[in-house]
Amino acid sequence: MSTGLLHLHSLLRWVILILMLVSLYQTFVKSDKIKSSSLWLMIASHVMLLIGLYQTILGRYGWTNVPEGTSVMKDGFFRFYLVEHPTLMITSVVLITLARRKSKDLNYRSVKTLLLISLVLILAAVPWPFRDAAIARPWFPGM
């Protein structure tokens, strides 16, 4: 089950990035469709958040499985996956949710700002393949 959730979590990053780009495009052209695309973005990000929180707490490398005597903040792997990644991603989901609220009022400027900040946080927190070998994940699961 843990591997399946990890693969789903990894695949959802692409769904969220695509929906984020669609929503950003719609804010730049000031389309009324921002209401529906921001809804799908918010749904996908909340599903991703729930899967990620499960993995952070109970997953293979979650808080319940940290080896005794390991200092989480001194170990780069655990610091990234248990502190940095969850903090940045929770912040980005909060910003996506706020952007969804602003999109109902068609406040394009606020939506654009919130989504751009969220996109930067997501891009910084994703364990891309070119990052440090200890935290890198492949482009697609199973590769």
N, C-alpha and C. Protein backbone atom coordinates (compact mmCIF):
# COMPACT_ATOMS: atom_id res chain seq x y z
N MET A 1 0.82 -1.19 0.00
CA MET A 1 0.00 0.00 0.00
C MET A 1 0.87 1.26 0.00
N SER A 2 1.96 1.21 0.73
CA SER A 2 2.84 2.37 0.82
C SER A 2 3.42 2.74 -0.54
N THR A 3 3.82 1.75 -1.31
CA THR A 3 4.38 2.02 -2.64
C THR A 3 3.32 2.59 -3.56
N GLY A 4 2.12 2.06 -3.50
CA GLY A 4 1.02 2.58 -4.32
C GLY A 4 0.69 4.02 -4.00
N LEU A 5 0.65 4.36 -2.72
CA LEU A 5 0.39 5.75 -2.34
C LEU A 5 1.52 6.67 -2.76
N LEU A 6 2.74 6.18 -2.66
CA LEU A 6 3.88 6.98 -3.09
C LEU A 6 3.81 7.24 -4.60
N HIS A 7 3.44 6.24 -5.38
CA HIS A 7 3.31 6.41 -6.82
C HIS A 7 2.16 7.36 -7.16
N LEU A 8 1.03 7.22 -6.45
CA LEU A 8 -0.09 8.13 -6.67
C LEU A 8 0.31 9.56 -6.32
N HIS A 9 1.00 9.73 -5.22
CA HIS A 9 1.48 11.05 -4.78
C HIS A 9 2.41 11.63 -5.84
N SER A 10 3.26 10.80 -6.41
CA SER A 10 4.21 11.26 -7.43
C SER A 10 3.49 11.63 -8.73
N LEU A 11 2.47 10.87 -9.11
CA LEU A 11 1.73 11.18 -10.33
C LEU A 11 0.88 12.44 -10.17
N LEU A 12 0.33 12.63 -9.00
CA LEU A 12 -0.51 13.80 -8.77
C LEU A 12 0.26 15.11 -8.88
N ARG A 13 1.58 15.06 -8.71
CA ARG A 13 2.35 16.30 -8.85
C ARG A 13 2.19 16.85 -10.26
N TRP A 14 2.13 15.96 -11.26
CA TRP A 14 1.98 16.41 -12.64
C TRP A 14 0.58 16.97 -12.87
N VAL A 15 -0.42 16.33 -12.29
CA VAL A 15 -1.80 16.82 -12.41
C VAL A 15 -1.89 18.22 -11.81
N ILE A 16 -1.31 18.40 -10.65
CA ILE A 16 -1.37 19.71 -9.98
C ILE A 16 -0.60 20.75 -10.77
N LEU A 17 0.57 20.41 -11.29
CA LEU A 17 1.33 21.38 -12.08
C LEU A 17 0.58 21.79 -13.34
N ILE A 18 -0.07 20.84 -14.01
CA ILE A 18 -0.85 21.15 -15.21
C ILE A 18 -2.04 22.03 -14.85
N LEU A 19 -2.77 21.65 -13.80
CA LEU A 19 -3.91 22.46 -13.38
C LEU A 19 -3.47 23.86 -12.92
N MET A 20 -2.32 23.94 -12.30
CA MET A 20 -1.78 25.23 -11.87
C MET A 20 -1.49 26.11 -13.08
N LEU A 21 -0.87 25.54 -14.11
CA LEU A 21 -0.57 26.31 -15.31
C LEU A 21 -1.84 26.74 -16.04
N VAL A 22 -2.84 25.87 -16.07
CA VAL A 22 -4.13 26.22 -16.69
C VAL A 22 -4.78 27.37 -15.92
N SER A 23 -4.78 27.26 -14.61
CA SER A 23 -5.38 28.32 -13.79
C SER A 23 -4.63 29.64 -13.94
N LEU A 24 -3.31 29.57 -13.97
CA LEU A 24 -2.53 30.79 -14.18
C LEU A 24 -2.81 31.42 -15.54
N TYR A 25 -2.90 30.59 -16.57
CA TYR A 25 -3.22 31.10 -17.90
C TYR A 25 -4.58 31.81 -17.88
N GLN A 26 -5.55 31.20 -17.22
CA GLN A 26 -6.88 31.80 -17.17
C GLN A 26 -6.90 33.10 -16.37
N THR A 27 -6.03 33.26 -15.41
CA THR A 27 -5.97 34.54 -14.70
C THR A 27 -5.31 35.60 -15.57
N PHE A 28 -4.33 35.21 -16.38
CA PHE A 28 -3.68 36.19 -17.24
C PHE A 28 -4.61 36.68 -18.35
N VAL A 29 -5.47 35.79 -18.88
CA VAL A 29 -6.41 36.20 -19.93
C VAL A 29 -7.75 36.64 -19.35
N LYS A 30 -7.86 36.59 -18.02
CA LYS A 30 -9.08 37.01 -17.30
C LYS A 30 -10.32 36.26 -17.77
N SER A 31 -10.19 34.95 -17.79
CA SER A 31 -11.30 34.08 -18.20
C SER A 31 -12.20 33.76 -17.01
N ASP A 32 -13.49 33.63 -17.30
CA ASP A 32 -14.44 33.22 -16.26
C ASP A 32 -14.28 31.75 -15.89
N LYS A 33 -13.56 31.00 -16.71
CA LYS A 33 -13.35 29.57 -16.44
C LYS A 33 -12.42 29.34 -15.25
N ILE A 34 -11.85 30.41 -14.70
CA ILE A 34 -10.96 30.28 -13.55
C ILE A 34 -11.69 29.64 -12.38
N LYS A 35 -13.00 29.83 -12.31
CA LYS A 35 -13.77 29.25 -11.20
C LYS A 35 -13.70 27.72 -11.23
N SER A 36 -13.86 27.13 -12.40
CA SER A 36 -13.85 25.66 -12.47
C SER A 36 -12.43 25.10 -12.40
N SER A 37 -11.48 25.74 -13.06
CA SER A 37 -10.11 25.21 -13.01
C SER A 37 -9.52 25.34 -11.62
N SER A 38 -9.84 26.42 -10.91
CA SER A 38 -9.33 26.56 -9.55
C SER A 38 -9.98 25.56 -8.61
N LEU A 39 -11.22 25.18 -8.90
CA LEU A 39 -11.87 24.15 -8.08
C LEU A 39 -11.15 22.81 -8.24
N TRP A 40 -10.84 22.44 -9.49
CA TRP A 40 -10.15 21.17 -9.73
C TRP A 40 -8.74 21.19 -9.15
N LEU A 41 -8.10 22.34 -9.23
CA LEU A 41 -6.77 22.48 -8.64
C LEU A 41 -6.84 22.31 -7.13
N MET A 42 -7.84 22.91 -6.51
CA MET A 42 -7.98 22.80 -5.06
C MET A 42 -8.29 21.35 -4.65
N ILE A 43 -9.16 20.68 -5.39
CA ILE A 43 -9.49 19.29 -5.08
C ILE A 43 -8.25 18.41 -5.19
N ALA A 44 -7.51 18.54 -6.28
CA ALA A 44 -6.31 17.72 -6.48
C ALA A 44 -5.26 18.01 -5.40
N SER A 45 -5.11 19.29 -5.05
CA SER A 45 -4.10 19.61 -4.04
C SER A 45 -4.50 19.10 -2.66
N HIS A 46 -5.79 19.10 -2.34
CA HIS A 46 -6.21 18.58 -1.04
C HIS A 46 -6.08 17.05 -0.98
N VAL A 47 -6.35 16.37 -2.08
CA VAL A 47 -6.14 14.91 -2.12
C VAL A 47 -4.66 14.61 -1.95
N MET A 48 -3.84 15.38 -2.65
CA MET A 48 -2.39 15.21 -2.53
C MET A 48 -1.93 15.47 -1.10
N LEU A 49 -2.50 16.49 -0.47
CA LEU A 49 -2.15 16.82 0.92
C LEU A 49 -2.49 15.66 1.86
N LEU A 50 -3.65 15.07 1.69
CA LEU A 50 -4.04 13.95 2.56
C LEU A 50 -3.10 12.76 2.39
N ILE A 51 -2.77 12.45 1.15
CA ILE A 51 -1.84 11.34 0.90
C ILE A 51 -0.47 11.67 1.49
N GLY A 52 -0.02 12.90 1.30
CA GLY A 52 1.27 13.31 1.83
C GLY A 52 1.32 13.30 3.35
N LEU A 53 0.26 13.75 4.00
CA LEU A 53 0.23 13.72 5.46
C LEU A 53 0.27 12.29 5.99
N TYR A 54 -0.43 11.39 5.31
CA TYR A 54 -0.37 9.97 5.70
C TYR A 54 1.07 9.47 5.59
N GLN A 55 1.71 9.79 4.47
CA GLN A 55 3.09 9.32 4.27
C GLN A 55 4.05 9.96 5.27
N THR A 56 3.82 11.22 5.60
CA THR A 56 4.71 11.90 6.54
C THR A 56 4.60 11.32 7.94
N ILE A 57 3.41 10.87 8.30
CA ILE A 57 3.22 10.35 9.65
C ILE A 57 3.44 8.84 9.71
N LEU A 58 2.80 8.09 8.81
CA LEU A 58 2.81 6.64 8.91
C LEU A 58 3.55 5.93 7.77
N GLY A 59 4.07 6.67 6.82
CA GLY A 59 4.70 6.06 5.66
C GLY A 59 6.02 5.37 5.98
N ARG A 60 6.63 4.85 4.94
CA ARG A 60 7.88 4.09 5.07
C ARG A 60 8.96 4.91 5.78
N TYR A 61 9.04 6.20 5.49
CA TYR A 61 10.03 7.07 6.13
C TYR A 61 9.35 8.13 6.98
N GLY A 62 8.15 7.84 7.46
CA GLY A 62 7.39 8.80 8.25
C GLY A 62 7.91 8.93 9.67
N TRP A 63 7.25 9.83 10.41
CA TRP A 63 7.67 10.11 11.79
C TRP A 63 7.64 8.86 12.67
N THR A 64 6.71 7.94 12.41
CA THR A 64 6.62 6.74 13.25
C THR A 64 7.72 5.74 12.94
N ASN A 65 8.43 5.91 11.83
CA ASN A 65 9.47 4.95 11.44
C ASN A 65 10.87 5.54 11.44
N VAL A 66 11.06 6.68 12.06
CA VAL A 66 12.40 7.26 12.17
C VAL A 66 13.21 6.41 13.14
N PRO A 67 14.40 5.96 12.73
CA PRO A 67 15.21 5.13 13.62
C PRO A 67 15.56 5.86 14.92
N GLU A 68 15.62 5.11 15.99
CA GLU A 68 15.98 5.67 17.30
C GLU A 68 17.35 6.33 17.23
N GLY A 69 17.49 7.45 17.87
CA GLY A 69 18.77 8.13 17.92
C GLY A 69 19.07 9.00 16.71
N THR A 70 18.16 9.05 15.73
CA THR A 70 18.38 9.86 14.54
C THR A 70 17.93 11.28 14.82
N SER A 71 18.81 12.22 14.56
CA SER A 71 18.46 13.63 14.68
C SER A 71 17.89 14.08 13.33
N VAL A 72 16.61 14.32 13.30
CA VAL A 72 15.93 14.64 12.05
C VAL A 72 16.51 15.88 11.39
N MET A 73 16.84 16.89 12.16
CA MET A 73 17.34 18.14 11.58
C MET A 73 18.79 18.03 11.10
N LYS A 74 19.54 17.07 11.57
CA LYS A 74 20.92 16.90 11.13
C LYS A 74 21.02 15.97 9.92
N ASP A 75 20.03 15.13 9.71
CA ASP A 75 20.00 14.20 8.58
C ASP A 75 19.26 14.86 7.42
N GLY A 76 19.95 15.11 6.31
CA GLY A 76 19.36 15.82 5.18
C GLY A 76 18.13 15.14 4.61
N PHE A 77 18.15 13.81 4.54
CA PHE A 77 17.01 13.06 4.00
C PHE A 77 15.78 13.27 4.86
N PHE A 78 15.89 13.02 6.15
CA PHE A 78 14.73 13.16 7.04
C PHE A 78 14.31 14.62 7.18
N ARG A 79 15.27 15.54 7.19
CA ARG A 79 14.92 16.95 7.29
C ARG A 79 14.08 17.37 6.09
N PHE A 80 14.47 16.91 4.88
CA PHE A 80 13.71 17.28 3.70
C PHE A 80 12.31 16.68 3.74
N TYR A 81 12.22 15.35 3.94
CA TYR A 81 10.92 14.67 3.83
C TYR A 81 10.01 14.85 5.03
N LEU A 82 10.54 15.19 6.19
CA LEU A 82 9.69 15.32 7.37
C LEU A 82 9.49 16.77 7.82
N VAL A 83 10.30 17.69 7.31
CA VAL A 83 10.16 19.08 7.75
C VAL A 83 9.96 20.02 6.55
N GLU A 84 10.95 20.09 5.66
CA GLU A 84 10.92 21.07 4.58
C GLU A 84 9.78 20.81 3.58
N HIS A 85 9.70 19.59 3.06
CA HIS A 85 8.69 19.25 2.06
C HIS A 85 7.28 19.45 2.60
N PRO A 86 6.93 18.89 3.76
CA PRO A 86 5.56 19.10 4.28
C PRO A 86 5.25 20.56 4.56
N THR A 87 6.20 21.31 5.11
CA THR A 87 5.94 22.72 5.44
C THR A 87 5.66 23.54 4.19
N LEU A 88 6.49 23.38 3.18
CA LEU A 88 6.28 24.14 1.94
C LEU A 88 5.01 23.70 1.22
N MET A 89 4.71 22.41 1.24
CA MET A 89 3.52 21.93 0.54
C MET A 89 2.23 22.33 1.26
N ILE A 90 2.22 22.29 2.58
CA ILE A 90 1.04 22.72 3.32
C ILE A 90 0.81 24.21 3.06
N THR A 91 1.87 24.98 3.04
CA THR A 91 1.75 26.41 2.75
C THR A 91 1.20 26.64 1.34
N SER A 92 1.67 25.85 0.38
CA SER A 92 1.17 26.03 -0.99
C SER A 92 -0.29 25.61 -1.12
N VAL A 93 -0.72 24.59 -0.39
CA VAL A 93 -2.13 24.19 -0.43
C VAL A 93 -3.01 25.27 0.20
N VAL A 94 -2.53 25.89 1.26
CA VAL A 94 -3.28 27.01 1.86
C VAL A 94 -3.40 28.15 0.85
N LEU A 95 -2.33 28.46 0.15
CA LEU A 95 -2.37 29.52 -0.86
C LEU A 95 -3.30 29.17 -2.02
N ILE A 96 -3.30 27.91 -2.43
CA ILE A 96 -4.22 27.46 -3.49
C ILE A 96 -5.67 27.60 -3.03
N THR A 97 -5.93 27.26 -1.79
CA THR A 97 -7.28 27.40 -1.24
C THR A 97 -7.70 28.86 -1.18
N LEU A 98 -6.80 29.74 -0.78
CA LEU A 98 -7.09 31.17 -0.77
C LEU A 98 -7.33 31.69 -2.20
N ALA A 99 -6.55 31.20 -3.15
CA ALA A 99 -6.74 31.59 -4.54
C ALA A 99 -8.10 31.14 -5.05
N ARG A 100 -8.51 29.96 -4.65
CA ARG A 100 -9.85 29.48 -5.03
C ARG A 100 -10.92 30.41 -4.50
N ARG A 101 -10.78 30.85 -3.26
CA ARG A 101 -11.76 31.77 -2.67
C ARG A 101 -11.79 33.09 -3.44
N LYS A 102 -10.62 33.60 -3.79
CA LYS A 102 -10.54 34.86 -4.55
C LYS A 102 -11.07 34.70 -5.97
N SER A 103 -10.97 33.50 -6.53
CA SER A 103 -11.45 33.29 -7.90
C SER A 103 -12.97 33.35 -7.98
N LYS A 104 -13.64 33.07 -6.89
CA LYS A 104 -15.11 33.18 -6.88
C LYS A 104 -15.54 34.63 -7.09
N ASP A 105 -14.73 35.56 -6.61
CA ASP A 105 -15.02 36.99 -6.78
C ASP A 105 -14.42 37.54 -8.07
N LEU A 106 -13.74 36.69 -8.84
CA LEU A 106 -13.04 37.07 -10.06
C LEU A 106 -12.01 38.17 -9.78
N ASN A 107 -11.32 38.02 -8.67
CA ASN A 107 -10.24 38.93 -8.30
C ASN A 107 -8.94 38.38 -8.90
N TYR A 108 -8.73 38.67 -10.19
CA TYR A 108 -7.65 38.05 -10.95
C TYR A 108 -6.26 38.39 -10.40
N ARG A 109 -6.09 39.60 -9.95
CA ARG A 109 -4.77 40.01 -9.46
C ARG A 109 -4.36 39.20 -8.24
N SER A 110 -5.27 39.03 -7.28
CA SER A 110 -4.97 38.25 -6.08
C SER A 110 -4.76 36.78 -6.42
N VAL A 111 -5.60 36.26 -7.30
CA VAL A 111 -5.48 34.85 -7.70
C VAL A 111 -4.13 34.62 -8.36
N LYS A 112 -3.75 35.51 -9.25
CA LYS A 112 -2.47 35.38 -9.95
C LYS A 112 -1.30 35.39 -8.96
N THR A 113 -1.33 36.31 -8.02
CA THR A 113 -0.26 36.41 -7.04
C THR A 113 -0.18 35.16 -6.17
N LEU A 114 -1.31 34.72 -5.66
CA LEU A 114 -1.34 33.54 -4.79
C LEU A 114 -0.89 32.29 -5.53
N LEU A 115 -1.34 32.13 -6.78
CA LEU A 115 -0.95 30.95 -7.56
C LEU A 115 0.53 30.98 -7.94
N LEU A 116 1.05 32.14 -8.25
CA LEU A 116 2.48 32.23 -8.58
C LEU A 116 3.35 31.90 -7.37
N ILE A 117 3.00 32.41 -6.21
CA ILE A 117 3.76 32.08 -4.99
C ILE A 117 3.66 30.59 -4.71
N SER A 118 2.46 30.05 -4.85
CA SER A 118 2.25 28.62 -4.63
C SER A 118 3.08 27.78 -5.61
N LEU A 119 3.11 28.19 -6.86
CA LEU A 119 3.89 27.46 -7.87
C LEU A 119 5.37 27.46 -7.52
N VAL A 120 5.90 28.60 -7.09
CA VAL A 120 7.31 28.68 -6.71
C VAL A 120 7.59 27.76 -5.52
N LEU A 121 6.69 27.75 -4.53
CA LEU A 121 6.88 26.88 -3.36
C LEU A 121 6.86 25.41 -3.77
N ILE A 122 5.93 25.06 -4.65
CA ILE A 122 5.83 23.66 -5.11
C ILE A 122 7.09 23.26 -5.87
N LEU A 123 7.53 24.11 -6.78
CA LEU A 123 8.73 23.78 -7.56
C LEU A 123 9.96 23.65 -6.66
N ALA A 124 10.01 24.43 -5.59
CA ALA A 124 11.14 24.35 -4.66
C ALA A 124 11.08 23.10 -3.78
N ALA A 125 9.88 22.61 -3.51
CA ALA A 125 9.73 21.51 -2.55
C ALA A 125 9.65 20.13 -3.19
N VAL A 126 9.47 20.06 -4.49
CA VAL A 126 9.37 18.75 -5.15
C VAL A 126 10.75 18.11 -5.21
N PRO A 127 10.86 16.82 -4.90
CA PRO A 127 12.16 16.13 -4.97
C PRO A 127 12.49 15.74 -6.42
N TRP A 128 12.87 16.71 -7.22
CA TRP A 128 13.17 16.48 -8.64
C TRP A 128 14.36 15.53 -8.79
N PRO A 129 14.48 14.85 -9.94
CA PRO A 129 15.58 13.91 -10.15
C PRO A 129 16.96 14.56 -10.12
N PHE A 130 17.07 15.84 -10.39
CA PHE A 130 18.37 16.51 -10.42
C PHE A 130 18.78 17.05 -9.05
N ARG A 131 17.98 16.81 -8.03
CA ARG A 131 18.35 17.26 -6.68
C ARG A 131 19.36 16.29 -6.07
N ASP A 132 19.73 16.53 -4.83
CA ASP A 132 20.67 15.66 -4.12
C ASP A 132 20.23 14.20 -4.23
N ALA A 133 21.16 13.31 -4.43
CA ALA A 133 20.84 11.90 -4.67
C ALA A 133 20.03 11.28 -3.54
N ALA A 134 20.19 11.76 -2.32
CA ALA A 134 19.47 11.17 -1.19
C ALA A 134 17.98 11.48 -1.24
N ILE A 135 17.59 12.61 -1.81
CA ILE A 135 16.18 12.98 -1.80
C ILE A 135 15.52 12.93 -3.17
N ALA A 136 16.28 12.73 -4.23
CA ALA A 136 15.75 12.77 -5.59
C ALA A 136 14.76 11.64 -5.84
N ARG A 137 13.74 11.94 -6.61
CA ARG A 137 12.76 10.97 -7.07
C ARG A 137 12.74 11.02 -8.60
N PRO A 138 12.38 9.92 -9.26
CA PRO A 138 12.35 9.94 -10.72
C PRO A 138 11.21 10.82 -11.25
N TRP A 139 11.29 11.14 -12.56
CA TRP A 139 10.27 11.98 -13.17
C TRP A 139 8.89 11.36 -13.04
N PHE A 140 8.82 10.04 -13.27
CA PHE A 140 7.56 9.31 -13.16
C PHE A 140 7.80 8.10 -12.27
N PRO A 141 6.78 7.67 -11.50
CA PRO A 141 6.98 6.54 -10.59
C PRO A 141 7.35 5.26 -11.35
N GLY A 142 8.21 4.48 -10.74
CA GLY A 142 8.60 3.20 -11.32
C GLY A 142 9.76 3.30 -12.29
N MET A 143 10.29 4.49 -12.51
CA MET A 143 11.40 4.65 -13.47
C MET A 143 12.72 4.36 -12.78
